[in-house]
Amino acid sequence: MSIKRNWRRAVIGFLTAVVLSACSGSDEQTETEESKSASANSAVKEAASSETSKEEDTAVVQPEEPEPLVYEGSLELPVNGATGYASVRMDLKAAADAGSETISALEAGTAFEVVEEVGDWWYVQTETESGWVQHLYCFINLPDVIPSIIYDNTNTYASKFVSSGKAIPGITGVALYDGKAYNMRLGKVSDIVPVLYSMSKKIYLAQQAALAEGNTLVIYEGYRPYSAQKMTVDALTNLAASDPEVMAGINTHPWDTNWFIATSVSNHQMGYAIDVTLAKITEQQEIVIGDYAATAITGYTEYTMPTTIHELSMASATFTGPVKSSSPTAWLQATLADTMNEAAILLQRYCTDAGLTPLASEWWHFNDLDARFSTEGNSSKGEYLLDATMSEAPEAAI
């Protein structure tokens, strides 16, 4: 617009000069039409040149976007900005020291943003206060730190729990609890999948092994509120009482109901268990989360497994019989069930090589016994719902 205005001014100025020249006397009338035209062209060019020069002087050079960083650590992304949760009632400290002043007590289930990690401590920000907590007793939201995994917690929208292929009334196809929320870090509505922080590092190792072979973990559940588990136990018990086939599927020697859905507080409530399957990657892309590069799996096909996930019966057994679930090595001497196919064995390899332990009765279930033993005596009872996130994009340290 300014160029057009200057051209217009130049032309108007020229015409004005011509009119004034015509009225000024005989001397000015001697100027030829050619000289007048040359003068006009010169004025116009000077105006345009002046404007171009001004625009060049005022042009702003936009800085180039910095290349995203590749995070080097024990997870795909740093914990700063991730959502964490107090798995038990714990002290919020003024410093990263157990002997420091206690600011307040965080109730079990309290959500917070992890701001910084120093040794065994996190500096966290809740909705109302900030301070230091020991991360040994904290959950972390897996999608915030291992975004390449596929998360599909069907228990939050349409439970897949069945038994001997039969729907469990009030459970199958029902949302058992809330577990999705908008995640500012990821820029989308995402599953909330909490596990103990120490376990997340083993899950990361399993995922990296899967990715290296063109596969990905598909996690169906981490933390499960006890209320959802109790509801499932009661419904399955009622179904089995009226259906001999279902009863046989969960109570035929050497198995019993507790192997398929715990009747008391389980490892899902304590935060050291995941339900997971395996998929072949068909499409992926590189994305940027905060200051860091990450991988997003945008296409995948789940492998066929011995049963559908969450088939609560001995058809889903990993081994031919029970194996002590508190032993990190007993499973090594167990005999695989005939139904364990190549995909299930591959999933088991990824997880066990990363330090997780398989459950004898469910091919999809893996525990972190190190996390269990390190929190023994002060572990979660699952009496709370985790349905909120406080995640923010991770920023590189300056």
Protein backbone atom coordinates (compact mmCIF):
# COMPACT_ATOMS: atom_id res chain seq x y z
CA MET A 1 0.00 0.00 0.00
CA SER A 2 2.80 2.47 0.83
CA ILE A 3 4.42 1.86 -2.60
CA LYS A 4 1.15 2.61 -4.33
CA ARG A 5 0.72 5.77 -2.28
CA ASN A 6 4.22 7.00 -3.22
CA TRP A 7 3.62 6.30 -6.90
CA ARG A 8 0.37 8.19 -6.66
CA ARG A 9 2.11 11.12 -4.97
CA ALA A 10 4.81 11.12 -7.65
CA VAL A 11 2.28 11.23 -10.47
CA ILE A 12 0.21 13.92 -8.76
CA GLY A 13 3.36 15.93 -8.14
CA PHE A 14 4.35 15.65 -11.77
CA LEU A 15 0.95 16.76 -13.04
CA THR A 16 0.92 19.65 -10.63
CA ALA A 17 4.35 20.70 -11.84
CA VAL A 18 3.15 20.57 -15.44
CA VAL A 19 0.14 22.77 -14.71
CA LEU A 20 2.21 25.30 -12.80
CA SER A 21 4.79 25.27 -15.57
CA ALA A 22 2.13 26.04 -18.19
CA CYS A 23 1.07 29.11 -16.26
CA SER A 24 4.50 30.43 -15.40
CA GLY A 25 5.58 32.04 -18.66
CA SER A 26 7.33 31.54 -21.91
CA ASP A 27 10.63 30.28 -20.54
CA GLU A 28 9.07 27.19 -19.07
CA GLN A 29 7.03 26.58 -22.22
CA THR A 30 10.28 25.92 -24.09
CA GLU A 31 10.66 22.62 -22.24
CA THR A 32 9.99 19.79 -24.67
CA GLU A 33 7.48 17.01 -24.04
CA GLU A 34 10.41 14.58 -24.00
CA SER A 35 12.12 16.41 -21.14
CA LYS A 36 8.85 16.59 -19.22
CA SER A 37 8.37 12.85 -19.64
CA ALA A 38 11.93 12.15 -18.55
CA SER A 39 11.45 14.31 -15.48
CA ALA A 40 8.26 12.48 -14.56
CA ASN A 41 9.83 9.07 -15.00
CA SER A 42 12.77 10.14 -12.89
CA ALA A 43 10.51 11.32 -10.07
CA VAL A 44 8.51 8.09 -10.12
CA LYS A 45 11.65 5.93 -10.12
CA GLU A 46 13.16 7.89 -7.27
CA ALA A 47 9.99 7.46 -5.20
CA ALA A 48 9.83 3.71 -5.87
CA SER A 49 13.55 3.32 -5.19
CA SER A 50 13.20 5.23 -1.94
CA GLU A 51 10.33 3.01 -0.78
CA THR A 52 12.16 -0.19 -1.71
CA SER A 53 15.20 0.99 0.23
CA LYS A 54 13.04 1.72 3.28
CA GLU A 55 11.44 -1.73 3.14
CA GLU A 56 14.83 -3.41 2.88
CA ASP A 57 16.06 -1.43 5.87
CA THR A 58 13.05 -2.40 7.98
CA ALA A 59 12.85 -6.09 6.92
CA VAL A 60 12.93 -8.46 9.91
CA VAL A 61 15.00 -11.61 9.56
CA GLN A 62 13.11 -14.50 11.16
CA PRO A 63 15.33 -16.81 13.24
CA GLU A 64 15.46 -20.43 12.17
CA GLU A 65 13.54 -22.93 14.26
CA PRO A 66 16.00 -24.86 16.44
CA GLU A 67 16.38 -28.56 15.74
CA PRO A 68 14.56 -30.71 18.33
CA LEU A 69 16.84 -32.43 20.80
CA VAL A 70 17.21 -36.18 21.10
CA TYR A 71 16.79 -37.06 24.76
CA GLU A 72 19.47 -39.32 26.17
CA GLY A 73 18.30 -40.99 29.35
CA SER A 74 16.37 -43.92 30.78
CA LEU A 75 13.10 -42.87 29.11
CA GLU A 76 12.10 -41.44 25.73
CA LEU A 77 11.48 -37.99 27.21
CA PRO A 78 12.68 -36.28 30.39
CA VAL A 79 10.44 -36.39 33.44
CA ASN A 80 10.30 -32.61 33.81
CA GLY A 81 6.80 -31.53 32.84
CA ALA A 82 5.36 -35.05 33.21
CA THR A 83 2.42 -35.86 35.46
CA GLY A 84 3.19 -37.83 38.59
CA TYR A 85 1.02 -39.09 41.42
CA ALA A 86 1.55 -39.83 45.09
CA SER A 87 0.88 -43.57 45.32
CA VAL A 88 0.65 -43.36 49.11
CA ARG A 89 0.34 -40.56 51.64
CA MET A 90 3.73 -38.87 51.60
CA ASP A 91 5.51 -35.83 52.98
CA LEU A 92 6.12 -32.79 50.81
CA LYS A 93 9.55 -31.54 51.87
CA ALA A 94 11.21 -28.12 51.73
CA ALA A 95 14.44 -29.67 50.39
CA ALA A 96 15.61 -32.90 48.76
CA ASP A 97 16.41 -34.34 52.16
CA ALA A 98 14.34 -36.61 54.38
CA GLY A 99 15.43 -34.55 57.37
CA SER A 100 14.25 -31.24 55.93
CA GLU A 101 11.13 -29.37 56.97
CA THR A 102 7.81 -30.98 56.05
CA ILE A 103 5.66 -28.47 54.18
CA SER A 104 2.55 -30.65 54.15
CA ALA A 105 1.36 -34.19 53.53
CA LEU A 106 0.22 -35.21 50.06
CA GLU A 107 -2.72 -37.58 50.16
CA ALA A 108 -2.53 -40.79 48.12
CA GLY A 109 -3.67 -40.09 44.59
CA THR A 110 -2.57 -36.44 44.54
CA ALA A 111 -1.55 -35.36 41.03
CA PHE A 112 1.40 -33.08 40.38
CA GLU A 113 3.75 -31.83 37.69
CA VAL A 114 7.33 -33.05 37.97
CA VAL A 115 9.47 -29.93 37.72
CA GLU A 116 12.93 -31.33 38.41
CA GLU A 117 14.69 -34.54 39.40
CA VAL A 118 17.65 -34.59 41.77
CA GLY A 119 18.87 -38.03 42.82
CA ASP A 120 16.06 -39.89 44.57
CA TRP A 121 13.87 -36.80 44.72
CA TRP A 122 11.45 -34.89 42.53
CA TYR A 123 10.61 -31.25 42.90
CA VAL A 124 6.88 -31.15 42.19
CA GLN A 125 4.08 -28.65 41.75
CA THR A 126 0.56 -29.60 42.84
CA GLU A 127 -2.48 -27.43 42.21
CA THR A 128 -1.73 -25.45 45.37
CA GLU A 129 1.87 -25.95 46.51
CA SER A 130 5.34 -27.13 45.60
CA GLY A 131 8.13 -29.05 47.27
CA TRP A 132 10.20 -32.24 47.20
CA VAL A 133 9.01 -35.85 47.30
CA GLN A 134 10.81 -39.20 47.17
CA HIS A 135 10.01 -40.63 43.75
CA LEU A 136 10.37 -44.21 45.02
CA TYR A 137 6.72 -44.01 46.09
CA CYS A 138 5.47 -42.06 43.07
CA PHE A 139 3.62 -43.11 39.95
CA ILE A 140 4.43 -41.52 36.61
CA ASN A 141 2.06 -41.21 33.66
CA LEU A 142 3.61 -43.45 31.00
CA PRO A 143 2.39 -41.57 27.88
CA ASP A 144 4.30 -38.50 29.10
CA VAL A 145 7.67 -40.25 29.08
CA ILE A 146 7.28 -43.13 26.57
CA PRO A 147 5.04 -41.63 23.87
CA SER A 148 5.92 -44.23 21.22
CA ILE A 149 3.91 -46.93 23.00
CA ILE A 150 0.28 -47.44 21.97
CA TYR A 151 -2.05 -46.92 24.93
CA ASP A 152 -5.58 -48.33 24.84
CA ASN A 153 -7.08 -48.67 28.30
CA THR A 154 -10.35 -50.29 27.31
CA ASN A 155 -11.45 -50.50 30.95
CA THR A 156 -12.01 -46.73 30.79
CA TYR A 157 -14.52 -46.93 27.95
CA ALA A 158 -15.54 -50.52 27.04
CA SER A 159 -14.04 -53.31 29.14
CA LYS A 160 -12.84 -56.42 27.31
CA PHE A 161 -13.14 -58.63 30.40
CA VAL A 162 -14.85 -61.92 29.50
CA SER A 163 -14.60 -65.44 30.89
CA SER A 164 -14.57 -68.57 28.74
CA GLY A 165 -15.60 -66.31 25.88
CA LYS A 166 -18.74 -65.18 27.70
CA ALA A 167 -19.66 -61.61 28.59
CA ILE A 168 -19.61 -60.76 32.29
CA PRO A 169 -22.85 -58.90 33.12
CA GLY A 170 -22.24 -55.30 34.15
CA ILE A 171 -18.57 -55.50 33.17
CA THR A 172 -18.03 -56.46 29.53
CA GLY A 173 -18.36 -53.44 27.25
CA VAL A 174 -18.75 -51.09 30.22
CA ALA A 175 -16.51 -48.19 31.30
CA LEU A 176 -15.27 -49.34 34.70
CA TYR A 177 -13.63 -46.04 35.68
CA ASP A 178 -12.52 -42.68 34.27
CA GLY A 179 -9.00 -42.68 32.91
CA LYS A 180 -8.70 -40.24 30.01
CA ALA A 181 -7.97 -36.52 30.03
CA TYR A 182 -6.64 -33.77 27.80
CA ASN A 183 -2.85 -33.83 28.03
CA MET A 184 -1.17 -30.43 27.47
CA ARG A 185 2.21 -32.09 26.95
CA LEU A 186 0.93 -34.31 24.14
CA GLY A 187 -1.63 -31.86 22.79
CA LYS A 188 -4.49 -34.35 22.77
CA VAL A 189 -6.88 -36.40 24.88
CA SER A 190 -4.82 -39.31 26.12
CA ASP A 191 -5.04 -42.37 28.32
CA ILE A 192 -3.77 -41.97 31.87
CA VAL A 193 -1.51 -44.97 32.50
CA PRO A 194 0.32 -44.69 35.82
CA VAL A 195 2.96 -47.10 37.11
CA LEU A 196 5.69 -46.78 39.70
CA TYR A 197 8.49 -44.59 38.36
CA SER A 198 11.13 -47.32 38.67
CA MET A 199 8.97 -49.68 36.59
CA SER A 200 8.63 -47.14 33.78
CA LYS A 201 12.33 -47.51 33.01
CA LYS A 202 11.97 -51.25 32.42
CA ILE A 203 8.94 -50.68 30.21
CA TYR A 204 11.09 -48.25 28.22
CA LEU A 205 13.71 -50.96 27.67
CA ALA A 206 11.06 -53.41 26.49
CA GLN A 207 9.68 -50.85 24.04
CA GLN A 208 13.10 -50.03 22.61
CA ALA A 209 13.69 -53.74 21.97
CA ALA A 210 10.31 -53.98 20.24
CA LEU A 211 10.91 -50.86 18.13
CA ALA A 212 14.27 -52.21 16.97
CA GLU A 213 12.41 -55.11 15.36
CA GLY A 214 9.56 -53.09 13.88
CA ASN A 215 7.14 -53.79 16.72
CA THR A 216 5.50 -51.84 19.52
CA LEU A 217 4.00 -52.54 22.90
CA VAL A 218 0.26 -51.90 23.23
CA ILE A 219 -0.53 -51.25 26.88
CA TYR A 220 -4.09 -51.87 27.99
CA GLU A 221 -3.73 -51.03 31.67
CA GLY A 222 -1.34 -50.00 34.39
CA TYR A 223 -2.82 -48.73 37.64
CA ARG A 224 -6.35 -50.04 38.24
CA PRO A 225 -8.52 -48.64 41.06
CA TYR A 226 -9.53 -51.30 43.58
CA SER A 227 -13.19 -50.37 43.11
CA ALA A 228 -13.02 -51.51 39.47
CA GLN A 229 -11.32 -54.75 40.42
CA LYS A 230 -13.80 -55.53 43.21
CA MET A 231 -16.70 -54.89 40.84
CA THR A 232 -15.20 -57.33 38.33
CA VAL A 233 -14.54 -60.01 40.96
CA ASP A 234 -18.11 -59.83 42.23
CA ALA A 235 -19.61 -59.98 38.74
CA LEU A 236 -17.40 -62.89 37.66
CA THR A 237 -18.17 -64.79 40.87
CA ASN A 238 -21.91 -64.38 40.27
CA LEU A 239 -21.58 -65.50 36.65
CA ALA A 240 -19.54 -68.57 37.61
CA ALA A 241 -22.13 -69.55 40.21
CA SER A 242 -24.75 -69.84 37.49
CA ASP A 243 -22.61 -71.05 34.57
CA PRO A 244 -20.68 -74.34 34.95
CA GLU A 245 -18.49 -73.61 31.92
CA VAL A 246 -17.31 -70.32 33.38
CA MET A 247 -16.76 -71.98 36.76
CA ALA A 248 -14.64 -74.69 35.17
CA GLY A 249 -12.60 -72.09 33.31
CA ILE A 250 -11.48 -70.36 36.50
CA ASN A 251 -11.63 -73.16 39.07
CA THR A 252 -10.17 -76.30 37.53
CA HIS A 253 -7.06 -77.72 39.22
CA PRO A 254 -4.42 -76.36 39.46
CA TRP A 255 -6.05 -72.95 38.89
CA ASP A 256 -8.48 -70.89 40.95
CA THR A 257 -10.30 -67.56 40.56
CA ASN A 258 -7.62 -65.53 42.31
CA TRP A 259 -5.18 -66.28 39.48
CA PHE A 260 -7.41 -64.47 36.99
CA ILE A 261 -8.78 -61.56 38.98
CA ALA A 262 -7.40 -60.94 42.46
CA THR A 263 -9.97 -60.91 45.24
CA SER A 264 -7.81 -58.61 47.37
CA VAL A 265 -5.51 -55.65 46.64
CA SER A 266 -3.41 -56.62 43.63
CA ASN A 267 -0.22 -55.54 41.91
CA HIS A 268 -2.29 -53.30 39.61
CA GLN A 269 -3.29 -51.21 42.62
CA MET A 270 0.30 -51.17 43.89
CA GLY A 271 1.56 -49.87 40.55
CA TYR A 272 4.03 -52.55 39.50
CA ALA A 273 1.93 -54.36 36.86
CA ILE A 274 0.95 -53.79 33.25
CA ASP A 275 -1.42 -55.58 30.89
CA VAL A 276 0.21 -55.45 27.47
CA THR A 277 0.13 -56.99 24.02
CA LEU A 278 2.28 -56.61 20.90
CA ALA A 279 1.71 -55.07 17.47
CA LYS A 280 3.50 -54.80 14.15
CA ILE A 281 4.21 -51.19 13.16
CA THR A 282 2.83 -50.24 9.74
CA GLU A 283 3.36 -46.49 9.93
CA GLN A 284 5.24 -44.06 12.13
CA GLN A 285 6.38 -40.46 12.11
CA GLU A 286 8.76 -38.22 13.95
CA ILE A 287 7.10 -35.56 16.09
CA VAL A 288 8.26 -32.80 18.42
CA ILE A 289 7.17 -32.62 22.05
CA GLY A 290 8.43 -29.49 23.74
CA ASP A 291 12.14 -29.19 22.97
CA TYR A 292 12.53 -32.86 22.08
CA ALA A 293 12.10 -35.23 19.15
CA ALA A 294 9.85 -38.24 19.65
CA THR A 295 8.35 -41.10 17.66
CA ALA A 296 4.62 -41.53 17.13
CA ILE A 297 3.23 -44.85 15.92
CA THR A 298 0.41 -43.90 13.54
CA GLY A 299 -0.37 -47.33 12.12
CA TYR A 300 -0.12 -50.80 13.63
CA THR A 301 -1.65 -54.28 13.58
CA GLU A 302 -1.89 -56.29 16.77
CA TYR A 303 -0.50 -59.80 16.60
CA THR A 304 -2.81 -62.77 17.16
CA MET A 305 -2.26 -64.00 20.69
CA PRO A 306 -3.35 -67.19 22.54
CA THR A 307 -6.63 -65.46 23.47
CA THR A 308 -8.10 -62.00 23.37
CA ILE A 309 -6.69 -59.78 26.07
CA HIS A 310 -8.57 -59.95 29.40
CA GLU A 311 -10.00 -63.41 28.77
CA LEU A 312 -10.31 -64.43 32.43
CA SER A 313 -9.87 -68.19 32.28
CA MET A 314 -7.18 -70.84 32.11
CA ALA A 315 -7.28 -70.53 28.31
CA SER A 316 -5.05 -67.47 28.79
CA ALA A 317 -2.44 -69.24 30.91
CA THR A 318 1.22 -68.59 30.17
CA PHE A 319 2.43 -71.80 31.79
CA THR A 320 0.94 -75.23 32.38
CA GLY A 321 0.42 -74.47 36.06
CA PRO A 322 0.83 -71.82 38.76
CA VAL A 323 4.24 -70.28 39.34
CA LYS A 324 5.11 -68.36 42.50
CA SER A 325 4.38 -64.76 41.48
CA SER A 326 6.73 -63.26 44.06
CA SER A 327 9.76 -65.06 42.63
CA PRO A 328 11.73 -63.28 39.90
CA THR A 329 13.22 -66.57 38.65
CA ALA A 330 10.72 -69.40 39.25
CA TRP A 331 9.12 -68.84 35.85
CA LEU A 332 12.39 -69.82 34.16
CA GLN A 333 11.79 -73.44 35.20
CA ALA A 334 8.11 -73.44 34.21
CA THR A 335 6.70 -75.12 31.12
CA LEU A 336 4.98 -72.93 28.55
CA ALA A 337 1.35 -73.71 27.82
CA ASP A 338 0.73 -75.30 24.42
CA THR A 339 -1.30 -72.23 23.42
CA MET A 340 1.66 -69.85 23.75
CA ASN A 341 2.37 -68.85 20.15
CA GLU A 342 5.35 -67.04 18.62
CA ALA A 343 3.89 -63.58 19.18
CA ALA A 344 3.21 -64.24 22.86
CA ILE A 345 6.70 -65.66 23.32
CA LEU A 346 8.19 -62.62 21.57
CA LEU A 347 6.26 -60.28 23.87
CA GLN A 348 7.53 -62.27 26.83
CA ARG A 349 11.11 -61.95 25.57
CA TYR A 350 10.89 -58.17 25.24
CA CYS A 351 9.46 -57.81 28.74
CA THR A 352 11.61 -60.32 30.60
CA ASP A 353 14.83 -59.13 28.96
CA ALA A 354 13.91 -55.70 30.36
CA GLY A 355 13.61 -57.11 33.88
CA LEU A 356 9.88 -57.77 34.14
CA THR A 357 8.36 -61.04 35.35
CA PRO A 358 5.50 -62.89 33.59
CA LEU A 359 2.35 -63.96 35.42
CA ALA A 360 1.60 -67.68 35.08
CA SER A 361 -2.12 -67.28 34.42
CA GLU A 362 -2.20 -64.37 31.93
CA TRP A 363 0.03 -64.10 28.87
CA TRP A 364 -0.48 -60.29 28.84
CA HIS A 365 0.45 -59.55 32.46
CA PHE A 366 3.96 -58.57 33.61
CA ASN A 367 5.20 -57.44 37.02
CA ASP A 368 8.19 -55.47 38.22
CA LEU A 369 9.16 -57.34 41.35
CA ASP A 370 12.03 -54.94 42.11
CA ALA A 371 9.46 -52.15 42.38
CA ARG A 372 7.29 -54.38 44.55
CA PHE A 373 10.03 -55.22 47.01
CA SER A 374 11.37 -51.66 47.21
CA THR A 375 7.94 -50.31 48.24
CA GLU A 376 6.88 -53.27 50.37
CA GLY A 377 5.27 -52.15 53.60
CA ASN A 378 4.32 -48.77 52.12
CA SER A 379 2.48 -49.56 48.90
CA SER A 380 -0.70 -48.30 47.31
CA LYS A 381 -4.05 -49.87 48.17
CA GLY A 382 -5.72 -48.45 45.08
CA GLU A 383 -8.39 -46.55 46.98
CA TYR A 384 -8.32 -43.55 44.64
CA LEU A 385 -9.08 -42.65 41.03
CA LEU A 386 -6.41 -41.06 38.82
CA ASP A 387 -8.36 -39.06 36.26
CA ALA A 388 -6.43 -35.77 35.90
CA THR A 389 -3.12 -34.70 34.39
CA MET A 390 -0.89 -31.70 35.02
CA SER A 391 1.50 -32.35 32.15
CA GLU A 392 3.50 -29.62 30.40
CA ALA A 393 5.88 -29.75 27.44
CA PRO A 394 9.43 -30.75 28.45
CA GLU A 395 12.02 -28.00 28.17
CA ALA A 396 15.75 -28.51 27.86
CA ALA A 397 17.91 -27.27 30.70
CA ILE A 398 19.55 -23.92 29.92
